[in-house]
């Protein structure tokens, strides 16, 4: 089972194609069945966020001790999270506030059980991971602003 990450905003979020030859961070339009996740959002424009693994599992850096990953996998997770953080740093000023929902595949309609405020910098911390059924607000880092 895979961790699924969705973002929602008032304005359309930029997409980034999946590259099969060079797997990495990507943003796509959710499938029709994934759109069930929209029930959690106040904002109408929803995208799916994937890591180098294709799903959100590659964003789960701090869920387990670093000893559980080989060095290459650890670096790929850090890279995916850094690219996600950079994406948010670019999109937040353009679209304003962003909502995020994380769940296991199949739980897109399940009620949220956790919430918090995330920032691009929080994604780059060594202990970062998404919580199951987490509906959160994504805000700019301190010292940055949105238009």
N, C-alpha and C. Protein backbone atom coordinates (compact mmCIF):
# COMPACT_ATOMS: atom_id res chain seq x y z
N UNK A 1 0.84 -1.17 0.00
CA UNK A 1 0.00 0.00 0.00
C UNK A 1 0.89 1.24 0.00
N UNK A 2 0.44 2.29 -0.65
CA UNK A 2 1.25 3.50 -0.82
C UNK A 2 0.66 4.70 -0.09
N UNK A 3 1.54 5.57 0.36
CA UNK A 3 1.14 6.85 0.92
C UNK A 3 0.81 7.77 -0.26
N UNK A 4 -0.32 8.43 -0.18
CA UNK A 4 -0.78 9.33 -1.23
C UNK A 4 -0.81 10.75 -0.67
N UNK A 5 -0.28 11.70 -1.42
CA UNK A 5 -0.23 13.09 -0.99
C UNK A 5 -0.96 13.94 -2.02
N UNK A 6 -1.87 14.78 -1.55
CA UNK A 6 -2.63 15.67 -2.42
C UNK A 6 -2.50 17.10 -1.92
N UNK A 7 -2.47 18.04 -2.84
CA UNK A 7 -2.44 19.46 -2.52
C UNK A 7 -3.66 20.10 -3.16
N UNK A 8 -4.17 21.16 -2.52
CA UNK A 8 -5.27 21.92 -3.08
C UNK A 8 -5.02 23.41 -2.88
N UNK A 9 -5.43 24.19 -3.88
CA UNK A 9 -5.27 25.64 -3.80
C UNK A 9 -6.41 26.30 -4.56
N UNK A 10 -6.51 27.62 -4.39
CA UNK A 10 -7.55 28.37 -5.11
C UNK A 10 -7.22 28.52 -6.59
N UNK A 11 -5.94 28.60 -6.92
CA UNK A 11 -5.50 28.71 -8.31
C UNK A 11 -4.87 27.38 -8.72
N UNK A 12 -4.88 27.03 -10.01
CA UNK A 12 -4.26 25.78 -10.45
C UNK A 12 -2.77 25.73 -10.09
N UNK A 13 -2.37 24.60 -9.56
CA UNK A 13 -0.96 24.35 -9.24
C UNK A 13 -0.25 23.81 -10.47
N UNK A 14 1.00 24.16 -10.60
CA UNK A 14 1.83 23.72 -11.72
C UNK A 14 2.05 22.20 -11.62
N UNK A 15 2.00 21.52 -12.75
CA UNK A 15 2.28 20.09 -12.78
C UNK A 15 3.72 19.86 -13.24
N UNK A 16 4.27 18.71 -12.86
CA UNK A 16 5.62 18.29 -13.25
C UNK A 16 5.49 16.84 -13.69
N UNK A 17 5.84 16.54 -14.91
CA UNK A 17 5.67 15.19 -15.45
C UNK A 17 6.57 14.17 -14.75
N UNK A 18 6.04 12.97 -14.63
CA UNK A 18 6.80 11.81 -14.16
C UNK A 18 7.73 11.38 -15.29
N UNK A 19 8.97 11.09 -14.95
CA UNK A 19 9.93 10.66 -15.95
C UNK A 19 10.34 9.22 -15.61
N UNK A 20 9.83 8.28 -16.37
CA UNK A 20 10.11 6.86 -16.12
C UNK A 20 11.60 6.55 -16.18
N UNK A 21 12.31 7.20 -17.08
CA UNK A 21 13.75 6.95 -17.24
C UNK A 21 14.56 7.52 -16.08
N UNK A 22 14.05 8.56 -15.44
CA UNK A 22 14.74 9.19 -14.32
C UNK A 22 13.70 9.54 -13.25
N UNK A 23 13.25 8.53 -12.48
CA UNK A 23 12.19 8.75 -11.49
C UNK A 23 12.56 9.85 -10.50
N UNK A 24 11.60 10.71 -10.23
CA UNK A 24 11.82 11.79 -9.29
C UNK A 24 10.52 12.45 -8.89
N UNK A 25 10.63 13.55 -8.21
CA UNK A 25 9.49 14.34 -7.76
C UNK A 25 8.61 14.70 -8.95
N UNK A 26 7.30 14.58 -8.76
CA UNK A 26 6.37 14.92 -9.82
C UNK A 26 5.03 15.36 -9.24
N UNK A 27 4.29 16.09 -10.05
CA UNK A 27 2.96 16.59 -9.69
C UNK A 27 2.04 16.30 -10.86
N UNK A 28 0.89 15.68 -10.58
CA UNK A 28 -0.02 15.34 -11.67
C UNK A 28 -1.47 15.57 -11.25
N UNK A 29 -2.34 15.49 -12.24
CA UNK A 29 -3.77 15.58 -12.01
C UNK A 29 -4.22 14.24 -11.43
N UNK A 30 -5.00 14.25 -10.36
CA UNK A 30 -5.47 12.98 -9.79
C UNK A 30 -6.39 12.23 -10.76
N UNK A 31 -6.40 10.92 -10.62
CA UNK A 31 -7.32 10.11 -11.42
C UNK A 31 -8.76 10.38 -10.95
N UNK A 32 -9.74 10.04 -11.78
CA UNK A 32 -11.13 10.27 -11.36
C UNK A 32 -11.47 9.64 -10.01
N UNK A 33 -10.99 8.44 -9.74
CA UNK A 33 -11.31 7.83 -8.45
C UNK A 33 -10.57 8.49 -7.29
N UNK A 34 -9.41 9.06 -7.55
CA UNK A 34 -8.68 9.78 -6.50
C UNK A 34 -9.35 11.10 -6.13
N UNK A 35 -10.17 11.63 -7.02
CA UNK A 35 -10.81 12.91 -6.76
C UNK A 35 -11.79 12.84 -5.58
N UNK A 36 -12.02 11.65 -5.07
CA UNK A 36 -12.82 11.52 -3.84
C UNK A 36 -12.19 12.32 -2.70
N UNK A 37 -10.89 12.56 -2.81
CA UNK A 37 -10.15 13.30 -1.79
C UNK A 37 -10.63 14.75 -1.69
N UNK A 38 -11.27 15.26 -2.72
CA UNK A 38 -11.72 16.66 -2.74
C UNK A 38 -12.66 17.00 -1.60
N UNK A 39 -13.31 16.02 -1.04
CA UNK A 39 -14.25 16.26 0.05
C UNK A 39 -13.57 16.91 1.26
N UNK A 40 -12.26 16.75 1.38
CA UNK A 40 -11.53 17.29 2.52
C UNK A 40 -11.08 18.74 2.33
N UNK A 41 -11.08 19.20 1.10
CA UNK A 41 -10.50 20.50 0.79
C UNK A 41 -11.55 21.60 0.66
N UNK A 42 -11.16 22.79 1.07
CA UNK A 42 -11.98 23.98 0.85
C UNK A 42 -11.64 24.59 -0.51
N UNK A 43 -10.50 24.20 -1.06
CA UNK A 43 -10.00 24.76 -2.32
C UNK A 43 -10.27 23.77 -3.46
N UNK A 44 -10.51 24.29 -4.65
CA UNK A 44 -11.02 23.47 -5.75
C UNK A 44 -9.97 22.84 -6.66
N UNK A 45 -8.75 23.35 -6.67
CA UNK A 45 -7.73 22.85 -7.59
C UNK A 45 -6.84 21.85 -6.88
N UNK A 46 -6.97 20.58 -7.26
CA UNK A 46 -6.28 19.50 -6.56
C UNK A 46 -5.26 18.83 -7.47
N UNK A 47 -4.09 18.53 -6.90
CA UNK A 47 -3.06 17.77 -7.61
C UNK A 47 -2.56 16.64 -6.70
N UNK A 48 -1.98 15.65 -7.34
CA UNK A 48 -1.34 14.52 -6.67
C UNK A 48 0.16 14.78 -6.67
N UNK A 49 0.82 14.50 -5.55
CA UNK A 49 2.26 14.72 -5.42
C UNK A 49 2.95 13.37 -5.23
N UNK A 50 3.95 13.11 -6.06
CA UNK A 50 4.69 11.85 -5.95
C UNK A 50 6.18 12.08 -5.79
N UNK A 51 6.82 11.13 -5.14
CA UNK A 51 8.27 11.16 -4.93
C UNK A 51 8.96 10.34 -6.01
N UNK A 52 10.23 10.10 -5.81
CA UNK A 52 11.01 9.26 -6.72
C UNK A 52 10.45 7.83 -6.80
N UNK A 53 9.69 7.42 -5.80
CA UNK A 53 9.10 6.08 -5.79
C UNK A 53 7.81 6.02 -6.61
N UNK A 54 7.34 7.16 -7.07
CA UNK A 54 6.08 7.21 -7.81
C UNK A 54 4.92 7.60 -6.92
N UNK A 55 4.99 7.24 -5.66
CA UNK A 55 3.95 7.56 -4.68
C UNK A 55 4.54 8.48 -3.61
N UNK A 56 3.82 8.66 -2.52
CA UNK A 56 4.30 9.51 -1.43
C UNK A 56 5.19 8.80 -0.43
N UNK A 57 5.39 7.50 -0.59
CA UNK A 57 6.22 6.76 0.37
C UNK A 57 7.64 7.32 0.45
N UNK A 58 8.15 7.83 -0.65
CA UNK A 58 9.51 8.38 -0.67
C UNK A 58 9.66 9.68 0.10
N UNK A 59 8.54 10.26 0.58
CA UNK A 59 8.61 11.46 1.40
C UNK A 59 8.70 11.13 2.89
N UNK A 60 8.63 9.85 3.24
CA UNK A 60 8.58 9.43 4.64
C UNK A 60 9.99 9.25 5.20
N UNK A 61 10.75 10.31 5.23
CA UNK A 61 12.15 10.26 5.67
C UNK A 61 12.30 9.91 7.14
N UNK A 62 11.60 10.60 8.01
CA UNK A 62 11.82 10.44 9.44
C UNK A 62 10.92 9.44 10.13
N UNK A 63 10.12 8.72 9.38
CA UNK A 63 9.20 7.76 9.98
C UNK A 63 9.95 6.64 10.70
N UNK A 64 11.08 6.26 10.14
CA UNK A 64 11.90 5.21 10.71
C UNK A 64 13.33 5.72 10.85
N UNK A 65 14.11 5.07 11.64
CA UNK A 65 15.50 5.44 11.83
C UNK A 65 16.25 5.39 10.49
N UNK A 66 17.21 6.29 10.32
CA UNK A 66 18.01 6.32 9.10
C UNK A 66 18.73 5.00 8.86
N UNK A 67 18.95 4.23 9.92
CA UNK A 67 19.60 2.92 9.79
C UNK A 67 18.77 1.93 8.98
N UNK A 68 17.47 2.21 8.82
CA UNK A 68 16.59 1.32 8.06
C UNK A 68 16.73 1.48 6.55
N UNK A 69 17.46 2.51 6.11
CA UNK A 69 17.60 2.78 4.69
C UNK A 69 19.05 2.64 4.27
N UNK A 70 19.27 2.16 3.05
CA UNK A 70 20.63 2.19 2.54
C UNK A 70 20.94 3.65 2.18
N UNK A 71 22.20 4.03 2.13
CA UNK A 71 22.55 5.44 1.89
C UNK A 71 21.95 6.02 0.61
N UNK A 72 21.86 5.23 -0.44
CA UNK A 72 21.29 5.71 -1.69
C UNK A 72 19.81 6.05 -1.54
N UNK A 73 19.06 5.19 -0.85
CA UNK A 73 17.63 5.44 -0.64
C UNK A 73 17.43 6.66 0.25
N UNK A 74 18.25 6.78 1.27
CA UNK A 74 18.17 7.94 2.17
C UNK A 74 18.38 9.23 1.39
N UNK A 75 19.36 9.25 0.51
CA UNK A 75 19.64 10.43 -0.30
C UNK A 75 18.48 10.73 -1.26
N UNK A 76 17.89 9.70 -1.84
CA UNK A 76 16.75 9.91 -2.75
C UNK A 76 15.56 10.50 -2.00
N UNK A 77 15.32 10.04 -0.78
CA UNK A 77 14.22 10.60 0.02
C UNK A 77 14.48 12.06 0.34
N UNK A 78 15.71 12.37 0.73
CA UNK A 78 16.06 13.77 1.00
C UNK A 78 15.87 14.63 -0.25
N UNK A 79 16.29 14.12 -1.39
CA UNK A 79 16.17 14.86 -2.64
C UNK A 79 14.70 15.10 -2.99
N UNK A 80 13.87 14.06 -2.86
CA UNK A 80 12.44 14.21 -3.16
C UNK A 80 11.81 15.26 -2.24
N UNK A 81 12.15 15.23 -0.96
CA UNK A 81 11.59 16.21 -0.03
C UNK A 81 12.12 17.61 -0.32
N UNK A 82 13.37 17.73 -0.69
CA UNK A 82 13.92 19.04 -1.04
C UNK A 82 13.21 19.59 -2.28
N UNK A 83 12.98 18.74 -3.27
CA UNK A 83 12.29 19.18 -4.48
C UNK A 83 10.84 19.58 -4.15
N UNK A 84 10.21 18.86 -3.26
CA UNK A 84 8.85 19.19 -2.82
C UNK A 84 8.87 20.56 -2.13
N UNK A 85 9.84 20.78 -1.24
CA UNK A 85 9.95 22.06 -0.53
C UNK A 85 10.18 23.20 -1.52
N UNK A 86 11.04 22.99 -2.51
CA UNK A 86 11.31 24.03 -3.50
C UNK A 86 10.06 24.32 -4.34
N UNK A 87 9.32 23.27 -4.66
CA UNK A 87 8.06 23.45 -5.39
C UNK A 87 7.11 24.34 -4.58
N UNK A 88 6.98 24.05 -3.28
CA UNK A 88 6.09 24.84 -2.43
C UNK A 88 6.58 26.28 -2.31
N UNK A 89 7.88 26.47 -2.23
CA UNK A 89 8.42 27.84 -2.16
C UNK A 89 8.08 28.64 -3.41
N UNK A 90 8.01 27.97 -4.54
CA UNK A 90 7.65 28.62 -5.80
C UNK A 90 6.15 28.85 -5.90
N UNK A 91 5.37 27.87 -5.52
CA UNK A 91 3.92 27.93 -5.71
C UNK A 91 3.18 28.78 -4.67
N UNK A 92 3.61 28.78 -3.42
CA UNK A 92 2.90 29.54 -2.39
C UNK A 92 2.75 31.02 -2.75
N UNK A 93 3.80 31.71 -3.17
CA UNK A 93 3.61 33.12 -3.54
C UNK A 93 2.68 33.30 -4.74
N UNK A 94 2.64 32.32 -5.61
CA UNK A 94 1.84 32.42 -6.83
C UNK A 94 0.36 32.12 -6.58
N UNK A 95 0.06 31.10 -5.75
CA UNK A 95 -1.33 30.65 -5.57
C UNK A 95 -1.92 31.00 -4.22
N UNK A 96 -1.12 31.49 -3.29
CA UNK A 96 -1.62 31.75 -1.95
C UNK A 96 -1.57 30.48 -1.12
N UNK A 97 -2.44 30.36 -0.17
CA UNK A 97 -2.38 29.21 0.75
C UNK A 97 -2.67 27.89 0.03
N UNK A 98 -2.10 26.84 0.59
CA UNK A 98 -2.24 25.49 0.03
C UNK A 98 -2.67 24.56 1.16
N UNK A 99 -3.55 23.64 0.85
CA UNK A 99 -3.95 22.59 1.79
C UNK A 99 -3.29 21.28 1.33
N UNK A 100 -3.02 20.39 2.28
CA UNK A 100 -2.42 19.09 1.96
C UNK A 100 -3.18 17.99 2.68
N UNK A 101 -3.37 16.88 2.00
CA UNK A 101 -3.96 15.70 2.63
C UNK A 101 -3.09 14.50 2.31
N UNK A 102 -2.73 13.74 3.33
CA UNK A 102 -1.92 12.53 3.19
C UNK A 102 -2.72 11.35 3.71
N UNK A 103 -2.72 10.27 2.95
CA UNK A 103 -3.45 9.07 3.36
C UNK A 103 -2.87 7.85 2.65
N UNK A 104 -3.20 6.68 3.14
CA UNK A 104 -2.86 5.47 2.42
C UNK A 104 -3.80 5.36 1.24
N UNK A 105 -3.31 4.79 0.15
CA UNK A 105 -4.15 4.61 -1.03
C UNK A 105 -5.39 3.82 -0.62
N UNK A 106 -6.54 4.32 -1.03
CA UNK A 106 -7.81 3.72 -0.65
C UNK A 106 -8.51 4.48 0.47
N UNK A 107 -7.76 5.33 1.18
CA UNK A 107 -8.33 6.11 2.28
C UNK A 107 -8.63 7.55 1.87
N UNK A 108 -8.75 7.82 0.58
CA UNK A 108 -8.97 9.19 0.12
C UNK A 108 -10.23 9.82 0.72
N UNK A 109 -11.24 9.02 1.06
CA UNK A 109 -12.47 9.56 1.63
C UNK A 109 -12.49 9.48 3.15
N UNK A 110 -11.51 8.84 3.75
CA UNK A 110 -11.49 8.67 5.21
C UNK A 110 -11.37 10.03 5.89
N UNK A 111 -12.05 10.22 7.00
CA UNK A 111 -11.97 11.51 7.69
C UNK A 111 -10.56 11.78 8.22
N UNK A 112 -10.15 13.04 8.17
CA UNK A 112 -8.83 13.39 8.70
C UNK A 112 -8.74 13.08 10.20
N UNK A 113 -7.56 12.66 10.63
CA UNK A 113 -7.31 12.38 12.04
C UNK A 113 -6.23 13.28 12.62
N UNK A 114 -5.49 13.97 11.76
CA UNK A 114 -4.39 14.83 12.21
C UNK A 114 -4.42 16.12 11.41
N UNK A 115 -3.92 17.18 12.02
CA UNK A 115 -3.73 18.43 11.28
C UNK A 115 -2.54 19.17 11.89
N UNK A 116 -1.89 19.96 11.07
CA UNK A 116 -0.79 20.79 11.50
C UNK A 116 -0.50 21.79 10.40
N UNK A 117 0.35 22.73 10.70
CA UNK A 117 0.81 23.66 9.68
C UNK A 117 2.18 23.20 9.23
N UNK A 118 2.33 23.03 7.93
CA UNK A 118 3.60 22.63 7.33
C UNK A 118 4.19 23.84 6.62
N UNK A 119 5.50 23.89 6.54
CA UNK A 119 6.20 24.90 5.75
C UNK A 119 7.17 24.16 4.84
N UNK A 120 7.65 24.83 3.81
CA UNK A 120 8.66 24.17 2.98
C UNK A 120 9.85 23.68 3.81
N UNK A 121 10.30 24.47 4.76
CA UNK A 121 11.45 24.07 5.59
C UNK A 121 11.15 22.85 6.45
N UNK A 122 9.91 22.70 6.89
CA UNK A 122 9.59 21.53 7.73
C UNK A 122 9.76 20.23 6.95
N UNK A 123 9.54 20.28 5.63
CA UNK A 123 9.71 19.08 4.81
C UNK A 123 11.18 18.67 4.68
N UNK A 124 12.09 19.59 4.93
CA UNK A 124 13.51 19.31 4.76
C UNK A 124 14.19 18.87 6.06
N UNK A 125 13.43 18.72 7.12
CA UNK A 125 14.01 18.25 8.38
C UNK A 125 14.18 16.73 8.36
N UNK A 126 15.21 16.27 9.00
CA UNK A 126 15.54 14.83 9.00
C UNK A 126 14.45 13.96 9.64
N UNK A 127 13.62 14.55 10.49
CA UNK A 127 12.59 13.75 11.16
C UNK A 127 11.22 13.90 10.50
N UNK A 128 11.16 14.49 9.29
CA UNK A 128 9.86 14.72 8.66
C UNK A 128 9.26 13.46 8.07
N UNK A 129 7.96 13.32 8.27
CA UNK A 129 7.13 12.36 7.54
C UNK A 129 5.68 12.78 7.67
N UNK A 130 4.87 12.40 6.69
CA UNK A 130 3.45 12.70 6.72
C UNK A 130 2.76 11.71 7.65
N UNK A 131 1.77 12.19 8.36
CA UNK A 131 0.96 11.35 9.23
C UNK A 131 -0.19 10.77 8.41
N UNK A 132 -0.67 9.59 8.80
CA UNK A 132 -1.81 8.99 8.12
C UNK A 132 -3.04 9.86 8.34
N UNK A 133 -3.78 10.10 7.28
CA UNK A 133 -5.02 10.89 7.32
C UNK A 133 -4.76 12.27 7.91
N UNK A 134 -3.75 12.91 7.39
CA UNK A 134 -3.36 14.25 7.83
C UNK A 134 -3.88 15.30 6.86
N UNK A 135 -4.69 16.23 7.36
CA UNK A 135 -5.17 17.37 6.59
C UNK A 135 -4.50 18.60 7.16
N UNK A 136 -3.60 19.19 6.42
CA UNK A 136 -2.78 20.28 6.93
C UNK A 136 -2.81 21.50 6.03
N UNK A 137 -2.39 22.60 6.61
CA UNK A 137 -2.22 23.85 5.88
C UNK A 137 -0.74 24.00 5.57
N UNK A 138 -0.44 24.43 4.37
CA UNK A 138 0.95 24.68 4.00
C UNK A 138 1.12 26.20 3.98
N UNK A 139 2.08 26.68 4.76
CA UNK A 139 2.32 28.11 4.88
C UNK A 139 3.76 28.43 4.48
N UNK A 140 4.00 29.69 4.17
CA UNK A 140 5.35 30.12 3.84
C UNK A 140 6.24 30.01 5.07
N UNK A 141 7.53 29.85 4.84
CA UNK A 141 8.50 29.86 5.92
C UNK A 141 8.54 31.27 6.53
N UNK A 142 8.94 31.37 7.79
CA UNK A 142 9.10 32.67 8.42
C UNK A 142 9.99 33.55 7.55
N UNK A 143 9.61 34.80 7.41
CA UNK A 143 10.43 35.72 6.63
C UNK A 143 10.04 35.76 5.16
N UNK A 144 9.19 34.85 4.70
CA UNK A 144 8.72 34.87 3.32
C UNK A 144 7.28 35.35 3.32
N UNK A 145 6.77 35.74 2.18
CA UNK A 145 5.38 36.19 2.12
C UNK A 145 4.73 35.71 0.84
N UNK A 146 3.40 35.71 0.87
CA UNK A 146 2.63 35.38 -0.33
C UNK A 146 2.03 36.68 -0.86
N UNK A 147 1.69 36.68 -2.11
CA UNK A 147 1.06 37.87 -2.72
C UNK A 147 -0.39 37.95 -2.38
